[in-house]
Amino acid sequence: MKEKQKPVKYEQEEIVSVRVQEVGAFEAKTHLSSILQKVAHGETFYVTKHGKPIAEIRPIAAPAKKIRVLGKGRGKGWMAPDFDAPLEDFKDYM
């Protein structure tokens, strides 16, 4: 496996260097489980065929979390003034 440095751009325009390893197609096929374990830990691989890169295996970016806004549903519900009054059907049990 060969290692290369690959610059990666993030949203903040910050450039960070990431190690990229080249692996042949046959080697990728025979060692896929160990490659996937390394990818899960953040490594990136180029799969090559006859020395030319044909695919990239890298971790999937984490989805952005939704920010929940408090009070967004205020005023959308309604409650009757006698919501806690006993029901006619249950007067025998009280």
PDB file of N, CA and C in Angstrom:
ATOM      1  N   MET A   1       0.835  -1.172   0.000  1.00  0.00           N
ATOM      2  CA  MET A   1       0.000   0.000   0.000  1.00  0.00           C
ATOM      3  C   MET A   1       0.879   1.236   0.000  1.00  0.00           C
ATOM      4  N   LYS A   2       0.570   2.153  -0.878  1.00  0.00           N
ATOM      5  CA  LYS A   2       1.300   3.421  -0.929  1.00  0.00           C
ATOM      6  C   LYS A   2       0.505   4.468  -0.174  1.00  0.00           C
ATOM      7  N   GLU A   3       1.200   5.412   0.435  1.00  0.00           N
ATOM      8  CA  GLU A   3       0.529   6.496   1.141  1.00  0.00           C
ATOM      9  C   GLU A   3       0.797   7.814   0.434  1.00  0.00           C
ATOM     10  N   LYS A   4      -0.228   8.626   0.309  1.00  0.00           N
ATOM     11  CA  LYS A   4      -0.117   9.954  -0.278  1.00  0.00           C
ATOM     12  C   LYS A   4      -0.783  10.939   0.661  1.00  0.00           C
ATOM     13  N   GLN A   5      -0.439  12.200   0.543  1.00  0.00           N
ATOM     14  CA  GLN A   5      -1.101  13.257   1.303  1.00  0.00           C
ATOM     15  C   GLN A   5      -2.111  13.921   0.387  1.00  0.00           C
ATOM     16  N   LYS A   6      -3.320  14.099   0.861  1.00  0.00           N
ATOM     17  CA  LYS A   6      -4.387  14.703   0.070  1.00  0.00           C
ATOM     18  C   LYS A   6      -4.977  15.862   0.857  1.00  0.00           C
ATOM     19  N   PRO A   7      -4.969  17.087   0.315  1.00  0.00           N
ATOM     20  CA  PRO A   7      -5.599  18.194   1.042  1.00  0.00           C
ATOM     21  C   PRO A   7      -7.118  18.071   0.972  1.00  0.00           C
ATOM     22  N   VAL A   8      -7.763  18.350   2.087  1.00  0.00           N
ATOM     23  CA  VAL A   8      -9.216  18.260   2.174  1.00  0.00           C
ATOM     24  C   VAL A   8      -9.747  19.622   2.561  1.00  0.00           C
ATOM     25  N   LYS A   9     -10.801  20.088   1.873  1.00  0.00           N
ATOM     26  CA  LYS A   9     -11.412  21.365   2.207  1.00  0.00           C
ATOM     27  C   LYS A   9     -12.638  21.125   3.067  1.00  0.00           C
ATOM     28  N   TYR A  10     -12.756  21.894   4.120  1.00  0.00           N
ATOM     29  CA  TYR A  10     -13.926  21.850   4.984  1.00  0.00           C
ATOM     30  C   TYR A  10     -14.715  23.123   4.783  1.00  0.00           C
ATOM     31  N   GLU A  11     -15.897  23.195   5.375  1.00  0.00           N
ATOM     32  CA  GLU A  11     -16.779  24.337   5.179  1.00  0.00           C
ATOM     33  C   GLU A  11     -16.148  25.648   5.620  1.00  0.00           C
ATOM     34  N   GLN A  12     -15.276  25.627   6.615  1.00  0.00           N
ATOM     35  CA  GLN A  12     -14.670  26.847   7.117  1.00  0.00           C
ATOM     36  C   GLN A  12     -13.475  27.269   6.259  1.00  0.00           C
ATOM     37  N   GLU A  13     -13.310  26.668   5.100  1.00  0.00           N
ATOM     38  CA  GLU A  13     -12.181  26.933   4.212  1.00  0.00           C
ATOM     39  C   GLU A  13     -10.851  26.602   4.881  1.00  0.00           C
ATOM     40  N   GLU A  14     -10.876  25.671   5.812  1.00  0.00           N
ATOM     41  CA  GLU A  14      -9.669  25.235   6.495  1.00  0.00           C
ATOM     42  C   GLU A  14      -9.144  24.025   5.737  1.00  0.00           C
ATOM     43  N   ILE A  15      -7.898  24.051   5.343  1.00  0.00           N
ATOM     44  CA  ILE A  15      -7.326  22.939   4.592  1.00  0.00           C
ATOM     45  C   ILE A  15      -6.529  22.068   5.550  1.00  0.00           C
ATOM     46  N   VAL A  16      -6.866  20.801   5.556  1.00  0.00           N
ATOM     47  CA  VAL A  16      -6.237  19.837   6.445  1.00  0.00           C
ATOM     48  C   VAL A  16      -5.664  18.725   5.582  1.00  0.00           C
ATOM     49  N   SER A  17      -4.523  18.223   5.959  1.00  0.00           N
ATOM     50  CA  SER A  17      -3.891  17.148   5.208  1.00  0.00           C
ATOM     51  C   SER A  17      -4.363  15.801   5.745  1.00  0.00           C
ATOM     52  N   VAL A  18      -4.792  14.921   4.842  1.00  0.00           N
ATOM     53  CA  VAL A  18      -5.290  13.598   5.204  1.00  0.00           C
ATOM     54  C   VAL A  18      -4.436  12.557   4.497  1.00  0.00           C
ATOM     55  N   ARG A  19      -4.068  11.509   5.243  1.00  0.00           N
ATOM     56  CA  ARG A  19      -3.291  10.451   4.611  1.00  0.00           C
ATOM     57  C   ARG A  19      -4.194   9.591   3.745  1.00  0.00           C
ATOM     58  N   VAL A  20      -3.786   9.395   2.497  1.00  0.00           N
ATOM     59  CA  VAL A  20      -4.527   8.553   1.568  1.00  0.00           C
ATOM     60  C   VAL A  20      -3.621   7.392   1.193  1.00  0.00           C
ATOM     61  N   GLN A  21      -4.147   6.189   1.305  1.00  0.00           N
ATOM     62  CA  GLN A  21      -3.370   5.007   0.952  1.00  0.00           C
ATOM     63  C   GLN A  21      -3.887   4.442  -0.359  1.00  0.00           C
ATOM     64  N   GLU A  22      -2.969   4.034  -1.210  1.00  0.00           N
ATOM     65  CA  GLU A  22      -3.346   3.382  -2.462  1.00  0.00           C
ATOM     66  C   GLU A  22      -3.296   1.878  -2.249  1.00  0.00           C
ATOM     67  N   VAL A  23      -4.305   1.212  -2.767  1.00  0.00           N
ATOM     68  CA  VAL A  23      -4.367  -0.239  -2.652  1.00  0.00           C
ATOM     69  C   VAL A  23      -4.844  -0.782  -4.000  1.00  0.00           C
ATOM     70  N   GLY A  24      -4.246  -1.856  -4.455  1.00  0.00           N
ATOM     71  CA  GLY A  24      -4.633  -2.456  -5.723  1.00  0.00           C
ATOM     72  C   GLY A  24      -6.007  -3.105  -5.631  1.00  0.00           C
ATOM     73  N   ALA A  25      -6.639  -3.287  -6.771  1.00  0.00           N
ATOM     74  CA  ALA A  25      -7.993  -3.839  -6.805  1.00  0.00           C
ATOM     75  C   ALA A  25      -8.031  -5.246  -6.204  1.00  0.00           C
ATOM     76  N   PHE A  26      -7.063  -6.077  -6.528  1.00  0.00           N
ATOM     77  CA  PHE A  26      -7.031  -7.442  -5.990  1.00  0.00           C
ATOM     78  C   PHE A  26      -6.822  -7.414  -4.484  1.00  0.00           C
ATOM     79  N   GLU A  27      -5.896  -6.565  -4.027  1.00  0.00           N
ATOM     80  CA  GLU A  27      -5.629  -6.458  -2.591  1.00  0.00           C
ATOM     81  C   GLU A  27      -6.852  -5.916  -1.853  1.00  0.00           C
ATOM     82  N   ALA A  28      -7.554  -4.974  -2.460  1.00  0.00           N
ATOM     83  CA  ALA A  28      -8.767  -4.418  -1.844  1.00  0.00           C
ATOM     84  C   ALA A  28      -9.827  -5.498  -1.707  1.00  0.00           C
ATOM     85  N   LYS A  29      -9.917  -6.362  -2.721  1.00  0.00           N
ATOM     86  CA  LYS A  29     -10.909  -7.438  -2.679  1.00  0.00           C
ATOM     87  C   LYS A  29     -10.579  -8.441  -1.581  1.00  0.00           C
ATOM     88  N   THR A  30      -9.311  -8.788  -1.432  1.00  0.00           N
ATOM     89  CA  THR A  30      -8.941  -9.809  -0.458  1.00  0.00           C
ATOM     90  C   THR A  30      -8.891  -9.272   0.971  1.00  0.00           C
ATOM     91  N   HIS A  31      -8.665  -7.971   1.152  1.00  0.00           N
ATOM     92  CA  HIS A  31      -8.542  -7.388   2.493  1.00  0.00           C
ATOM     93  C   HIS A  31      -9.626  -6.351   2.761  1.00  0.00           C
ATOM     94  N   LEU A  32     -10.793  -6.529   2.175  1.00  0.00           N
ATOM     95  CA  LEU A  32     -11.852  -5.518   2.286  1.00  0.00           C
ATOM     96  C   LEU A  32     -12.267  -5.261   3.727  1.00  0.00           C
ATOM     97  N   SER A  33     -12.404  -6.309   4.532  1.00  0.00           N
ATOM     98  CA  SER A  33     -12.870  -6.102   5.910  1.00  0.00           C
ATOM     99  C   SER A  33     -11.878  -5.266   6.713  1.00  0.00           C
ATOM    100  N   SER A  34     -10.581  -5.509   6.555  1.00  0.00           N
ATOM    101  CA  SER A  34      -9.598  -4.706   7.296  1.00  0.00           C
ATOM    102  C   SER A  34      -9.539  -3.279   6.760  1.00  0.00           C
ATOM    103  N   ILE A  35      -9.741  -3.095   5.461  1.00  0.00           N
ATOM    104  CA  ILE A  35      -9.781  -1.742   4.885  1.00  0.00           C
ATOM    105  C   ILE A  35     -10.980  -0.991   5.425  1.00  0.00           C
ATOM    106  N   LEU A  36     -12.134  -1.652   5.516  1.00  0.00           N
ATOM    107  CA  LEU A  36     -13.331  -0.996   6.040  1.00  0.00           C
ATOM    108  C   LEU A  36     -13.179  -0.617   7.509  1.00  0.00           C
ATOM    109  N   GLN A  37     -12.465  -1.415   8.275  1.00  0.00           N
ATOM    110  CA  GLN A  37     -12.202  -1.055   9.671  1.00  0.00           C
ATOM    111  C   GLN A  37     -11.371   0.222   9.741  1.00  0.00           C
ATOM    112  N   LYS A  38     -10.367   0.329   8.873  1.00  0.00           N
ATOM    113  CA  LYS A  38      -9.527   1.535   8.855  1.00  0.00           C
ATOM    114  C   LYS A  38     -10.319   2.744   8.373  1.00  0.00           C
ATOM    115  N   VAL A  39     -11.215   2.527   7.417  1.00  0.00           N
ATOM    116  CA  VAL A  39     -12.067   3.621   6.928  1.00  0.00           C
ATOM    117  C   VAL A  39     -12.979   4.103   8.048  1.00  0.00           C
ATOM    118  N   ALA A  40     -13.474   3.184   8.862  1.00  0.00           N
ATOM    119  CA  ALA A  40     -14.335   3.556   9.987  1.00  0.00           C
ATOM    120  C   ALA A  40     -13.598   4.440  10.988  1.00  0.00           C
ATOM    121  N   HIS A  41     -12.278   4.339  11.018  1.00  0.00           N
ATOM    122  CA  HIS A  41     -11.464   5.165  11.912  1.00  0.00           C
ATOM    123  C   HIS A  41     -10.954   6.430  11.222  1.00  0.00           C
ATOM    124  N   GLY A  42     -11.436   6.712  10.012  1.00  0.00           N
ATOM    125  CA  GLY A  42     -11.133   7.982   9.363  1.00  0.00           C
ATOM    126  C   GLY A  42     -10.126   7.943   8.232  1.00  0.00           C
ATOM    127  N   GLU A  43      -9.592   6.801   7.891  1.00  0.00           N
ATOM    128  CA  GLU A  43      -8.608   6.740   6.803  1.00  0.00           C
ATOM    129  C   GLU A  43      -9.309   6.710   5.448  1.00  0.00           C
ATOM    130  N   THR A  44      -8.567   7.113   4.406  1.00  0.00           N
ATOM    131  CA  THR A  44      -9.084   7.132   3.041  1.00  0.00           C
ATOM    132  C   THR A  44      -8.188   6.265   2.165  1.00  0.00           C
ATOM    133  N   PHE A  45      -8.796   5.547   1.234  1.00  0.00           N
ATOM    134  CA  PHE A  45      -8.044   4.669   0.333  1.00  0.00           C
ATOM    135  C   PHE A  45      -8.402   4.975  -1.113  1.00  0.00           C
ATOM    136  N   TYR A  46      -7.384   4.924  -1.988  1.00  0.00           N
ATOM    137  CA  TYR A  46      -7.612   4.923  -3.431  1.00  0.00           C
ATOM    138  C   TYR A  46      -7.438   3.490  -3.903  1.00  0.00           C
ATOM    139  N   VAL A  47      -8.403   2.980  -4.638  1.00  0.00           N
ATOM    140  CA  VAL A  47      -8.294   1.651  -5.242  1.00  0.00           C
ATOM    141  C   VAL A  47      -7.742   1.869  -6.635  1.00  0.00           C
ATOM    142  N   THR A  48      -6.651   1.185  -6.957  1.00  0.00           N
ATOM    143  CA  THR A  48      -5.998   1.375  -8.249  1.00  0.00           C
ATOM    144  C   THR A  48      -6.093   0.116  -9.095  1.00  0.00           C
ATOM    145  N   LYS A  49      -6.046   0.334 -10.402  1.00  0.00           N
ATOM    146  CA  LYS A  49      -5.992  -0.773 -11.353  1.00  0.00           C
ATOM    147  C   LYS A  49      -4.866  -0.437 -12.310  1.00  0.00           C
ATOM    148  N   HIS A  50      -3.850  -1.257 -12.316  1.00  0.00           N
ATOM    149  CA  HIS A  50      -2.650  -1.031 -13.115  1.00  0.00           C
ATOM    150  C   HIS A  50      -2.016   0.317 -12.769  1.00  0.00           C
ATOM    151  N   GLY A  51      -2.042   0.665 -11.485  1.00  0.00           N
ATOM    152  CA  GLY A  51      -1.393   1.880 -11.010  1.00  0.00           C
ATOM    153  C   GLY A  51      -2.196   3.162 -11.163  1.00  0.00           C
ATOM    154  N   LYS A  52      -3.384   3.075 -11.772  1.00  0.00           N
ATOM    155  CA  LYS A  52      -4.219   4.261 -11.953  1.00  0.00           C
ATOM    156  C   LYS A  52      -5.387   4.218 -10.974  1.00  0.00           C
ATOM    157  N   PRO A  53      -5.616   5.300 -10.243  1.00  0.00           N
ATOM    158  CA  PRO A  53      -6.739   5.311  -9.300  1.00  0.00           C
ATOM    159  C   PRO A  53      -8.085   5.216 -10.030  1.00  0.00           C
ATOM    160  N   ILE A  54      -8.938   4.295  -9.578  1.00  0.00           N
ATOM    161  CA  ILE A  54     -10.259   4.139 -10.202  1.00  0.00           C
ATOM    162  C   ILE A  54     -11.393   4.360  -9.214  1.00  0.00           C
ATOM    163  N   ALA A  55     -11.075   4.310  -7.901  1.00  0.00           N
ATOM    164  CA  ALA A  55     -12.128   4.500  -6.892  1.00  0.00           C
ATOM    165  C   ALA A  55     -11.502   5.047  -5.616  1.00  0.00           C
ATOM    166  N   GLU A  56     -12.365   5.661  -4.828  1.00  0.00           N
ATOM    167  CA  GLU A  56     -11.943   6.188  -3.536  1.00  0.00           C
ATOM    168  C   GLU A  56     -12.877   5.620  -2.468  1.00  0.00           C
ATOM    169  N   ILE A  57     -12.295   5.082  -1.408  1.00  0.00           N
ATOM    170  CA  ILE A  57     -13.073   4.584  -0.282  1.00  0.00           C
ATOM    171  C   ILE A  57     -12.753   5.500   0.889  1.00  0.00           C
ATOM    172  N   ARG A  58     -13.780   6.189   1.392  1.00  0.00           N
ATOM    173  CA  ARG A  58     -13.569   7.139   2.493  1.00  0.00           C
ATOM    174  C   ARG A  58     -14.780   7.125   3.407  1.00  0.00           C
ATOM    175  N   PRO A  59     -14.619   7.636   4.629  1.00  0.00           N
ATOM    176  CA  PRO A  59     -15.757   7.670   5.552  1.00  0.00           C
ATOM    177  C   PRO A  59     -16.837   8.624   5.061  1.00  0.00           C
ATOM    178  N   ILE A  60     -18.062   8.314   5.389  1.00  0.00           N
ATOM    179  CA  ILE A  60     -19.183   9.184   5.048  1.00  0.00           C
ATOM    180  C   ILE A  60     -19.219  10.311   6.066  1.00  0.00           C
ATOM    181  N   ALA A  61     -19.448  11.521   5.593  1.00  0.00           N
ATOM    182  CA  ALA A  61     -19.539  12.668   6.491  1.00  0.00           C
ATOM    183  C   ALA A  61     -20.779  12.533   7.365  1.00  0.00           C
ATOM    184  N   ALA A  62     -20.639  12.914   8.622  1.00  0.00           N
ATOM    185  CA  ALA A  62     -21.766  12.848   9.550  1.00  0.00           C
ATOM    186  C   ALA A  62     -22.821  13.871   9.151  1.00  0.00           C
ATOM    187  N   PRO A  63     -24.086  13.483   9.177  1.00  0.00           N
ATOM    188  CA  PRO A  63     -25.134  14.444   8.816  1.00  0.00           C
ATOM    189  C   PRO A  63     -25.218  15.566   9.844  1.00  0.00           C
ATOM    190  N   ALA A  64     -25.564  16.739   9.370  1.00  0.00           N
ATOM    191  CA  ALA A  64     -25.701  17.888  10.268  1.00  0.00           C
ATOM    192  C   ALA A  64     -26.894  17.684  11.193  1.00  0.00           C
ATOM    193  N   LYS A  65     -26.720  18.046  12.450  1.00  0.00           N
ATOM    194  CA  LYS A  65     -27.807  17.888  13.413  1.00  0.00           C
ATOM    195  C   LYS A  65     -28.776  19.049  13.259  1.00  0.00           C
ATOM    196  N   LYS A  66     -30.061  18.730  13.374  1.00  0.00           N
ATOM    197  CA  LYS A  66     -31.078  19.767  13.345  1.00  0.00           C
ATOM    198  C   LYS A  66     -31.081  20.494  14.673  1.00  0.00           C
ATOM    199  N   ILE A  67     -31.210  21.794  14.617  1.00  0.00           N
ATOM    200  CA  ILE A  67     -31.301  22.584  15.834  1.00  0.00           C
ATOM    201  C   ILE A  67     -32.775  22.736  16.169  1.00  0.00           C
ATOM    202  N   ARG A  68     -33.146  22.280  17.367  1.00  0.00           N
ATOM    203  CA  ARG A  68     -34.540  22.356  17.785  1.00  0.00           C
ATOM    204  C   ARG A  68     -34.775  23.700  18.462  1.00  0.00           C
ATOM    205  N   VAL A  69     -35.820  24.371  18.047  1.00  0.00           N
ATOM    206  CA  VAL A  69     -36.150  25.685  18.581  1.00  0.00           C
ATOM    207  C   VAL A  69     -37.265  25.525  19.608  1.00  0.00           C
ATOM    208  N   LEU A  70     -37.016  26.016  20.809  1.00  0.00           N
ATOM    209  CA  LEU A  70     -38.032  25.935  21.859  1.00  0.00           C
ATOM    210  C   LEU A  70     -39.143  26.944  21.581  1.00  0.00           C
ATOM    211  N   GLY A  71     -40.369  26.548  21.856  1.00  0.00           N
ATOM    212  CA  GLY A  71     -41.506  27.445  21.695  1.00  0.00           C
ATOM    213  C   GLY A  71     -42.005  27.571  20.272  1.00  0.00           C
ATOM    214  N   LYS A  72     -41.544  26.738  19.391  1.00  0.00           N
ATOM    215  CA  LYS A  72     -41.946  26.843  17.989  1.00  0.00           C
ATOM    216  C   LYS A  72     -43.432  26.505  17.791  1.00  0.00           C
ATOM    217  N   GLY A  73     -43.991  25.657  18.647  1.00  0.00           N
ATOM    218  CA  GLY A  73     -45.397  25.266  18.516  1.00  0.00           C
ATOM    219  C   GLY A  73     -46.338  26.085  19.387  1.00  0.00           C
ATOM    220  N   ARG A  74     -45.829  27.149  19.995  1.00  0.00           N
ATOM    221  CA  ARG A  74     -46.657  27.970  20.881  1.00  0.00           C
ATOM    222  C   ARG A  74     -47.836  28.572  20.111  1.00  0.00           C
ATOM    223  N   GLY A  75     -49.031  28.456  20.698  1.00  0.00           N
ATOM    224  CA  GLY A  75     -50.233  29.019  20.086  1.00  0.00           C
ATOM    225  C   GLY A  75     -50.897  28.118  19.065  1.00  0.00           C
ATOM    226  N   LYS A  76     -50.342  26.946  18.799  1.00  0.00           N
ATOM    227  CA  LYS A  76     -50.921  26.052  17.790  1.00  0.00           C
ATOM    228  C   LYS A  76     -51.901  25.051  18.396  1.00  0.00           C
ATOM    229  N   GLY A  77     -51.923  24.946  19.716  1.00  0.00           N
ATOM    230  CA  GLY A  77     -52.824  24.016  20.371  1.00  0.00           C
ATOM    231  C   GLY A  77     -53.915  24.765  21.122  1.00  0.00           C
ATOM    232  N   TRP A  78     -54.984  24.037  21.465  1.00  0.00           N
ATOM    233  CA  TRP A  78     -56.086  24.646  22.192  1.00  0.00           C
ATOM    234  C   TRP A  78     -56.577  23.647  23.227  1.00  0.00           C
ATOM    235  N   MET A  79     -56.944  24.145  24.419  1.00  0.00           N
ATOM    236  CA  MET A  79     -57.431  23.289  25.470  1.00  0.00           C
ATOM    237  C   MET A  79     -58.690  23.926  26.058  1.00  0.00           C
ATOM    238  N   ALA A  80     -59.736  23.135  26.208  1.00  0.00           N
ATOM    239  CA  ALA A  80     -61.011  23.629  26.747  1.00  0.00           C
ATOM    240  C   ALA A  80     -60.825  24.028  28.206  1.00  0.00           C
ATOM    241  N   PRO A  81     -61.555  25.017  28.672  1.00  0.00           N
ATOM    242  CA  PRO A  81     -61.413  25.434  30.069  1.00  0.00           C
ATOM    243  C   PRO A  81     -61.814  24.339  31.062  1.00  0.00           C
ATOM    244  N   ASP A  82     -62.675  23.420  30.669  1.00  0.00           N
ATOM    245  CA  ASP A  82     -63.097  22.353  31.578  1.00  0.00           C
ATOM    246  C   ASP A  82     -62.460  21.001  31.217  1.00  0.00           C
ATOM    247  N   PHE A  83     -61.230  21.018  30.724  1.00  0.00           N
ATOM    248  CA  PHE A  83     -60.608  19.775  30.255  1.00  0.00           C
ATOM    249  C   PHE A  83     -60.428  18.763  31.384  1.00  0.00           C
ATOM    250  N   ASP A  84     -60.323  19.227  32.631  1.00  0.00           N
ATOM    251  CA  ASP A  84     -60.106  18.301  33.724  1.00  0.00           C
ATOM    252  C   ASP A  84     -61.384  18.024  34.542  1.00  0.00           C
ATOM    253  N   ALA A  85     -62.496  18.457  34.037  1.00  0.00           N
ATOM    254  CA  ALA A  85     -63.774  18.185  34.713  1.00  0.00           C
ATOM    255  C   ALA A  85     -64.131  16.711  34.534  1.00  0.00           C
ATOM    256  N   PRO A  86     -64.790  16.104  35.537  1.00  0.00           N
ATOM    257  CA  PRO A  86     -65.157  14.688  35.415  1.00  0.00           C
ATOM    258  C   PRO A  86     -66.165  14.472  34.286  1.00  0.00           C
ATOM    259  N   LEU A  87     -66.040  13.364  33.622  1.00  0.00           N
ATOM    260  CA  LEU A  87     -66.943  13.009  32.526  1.00  0.00           C
ATOM    261  C   LEU A  87     -68.235  12.441  33.093  1.00  0.00           C
ATOM    262  N   GLU A  88     -69.318  12.637  32.362  1.00  0.00           N
ATOM    263  CA  GLU A  88     -70.626  12.137  32.779  1.00  0.00           C
ATOM    264  C   GLU A  88     -70.616  10.611  32.936  1.00  0.00           C
ATOM    265  N   ASP A  89     -69.916   9.902  32.073  1.00  0.00           N
ATOM    266  CA  ASP A  89     -69.905   8.439  32.104  1.00  0.00           C
ATOM    267  C   ASP A  89     -69.227   7.875  33.345  1.00  0.00           C
ATOM    268  N   PHE A  90     -68.353   8.620  33.994  1.00  0.00           N
ATOM    269  CA  PHE A  90     -67.600   8.107  35.127  1.00  0.00           C
ATOM    270  C   PHE A  90     -68.112   8.604  36.485  1.00  0.00           C
ATOM    271  N   LYS A  91     -69.249   9.285  36.521  1.00  0.00           N
ATOM    272  CA  LYS A  91     -69.791   9.794  37.786  1.00  0.00           C
ATOM    273  C   LYS A  91     -70.136   8.663  38.749  1.00  0.00           C
ATOM    274  N   ASP A  92     -70.520   7.495  38.235  1.00  0.00           N
ATOM    275  CA  ASP A  92     -70.861   6.362  39.106  1.00  0.00           C
ATOM    276  C   ASP A  92     -69.640   5.824  39.844  1.00  0.00           C
ATOM    277  N   TYR A  93     -68.479   6.009  39.305  1.00  0.00           N
ATOM    278  CA  TYR A  93     -67.249   5.459  39.888  1.00  0.00           C
ATOM    279  C   TYR A  93     -66.555   6.433  40.836  1.00  0.00           C
ATOM    280  N   MET A  94     -67.053   7.621  40.975  1.00  0.00           N
ATOM    281  CA  MET A  94     -66.378   8.627  41.799  1.00  0.00           C
ATOM    282  C   MET A  94     -67.040   8.777  43.144  1.00  0.00           C
TER     283      MET A  94
END
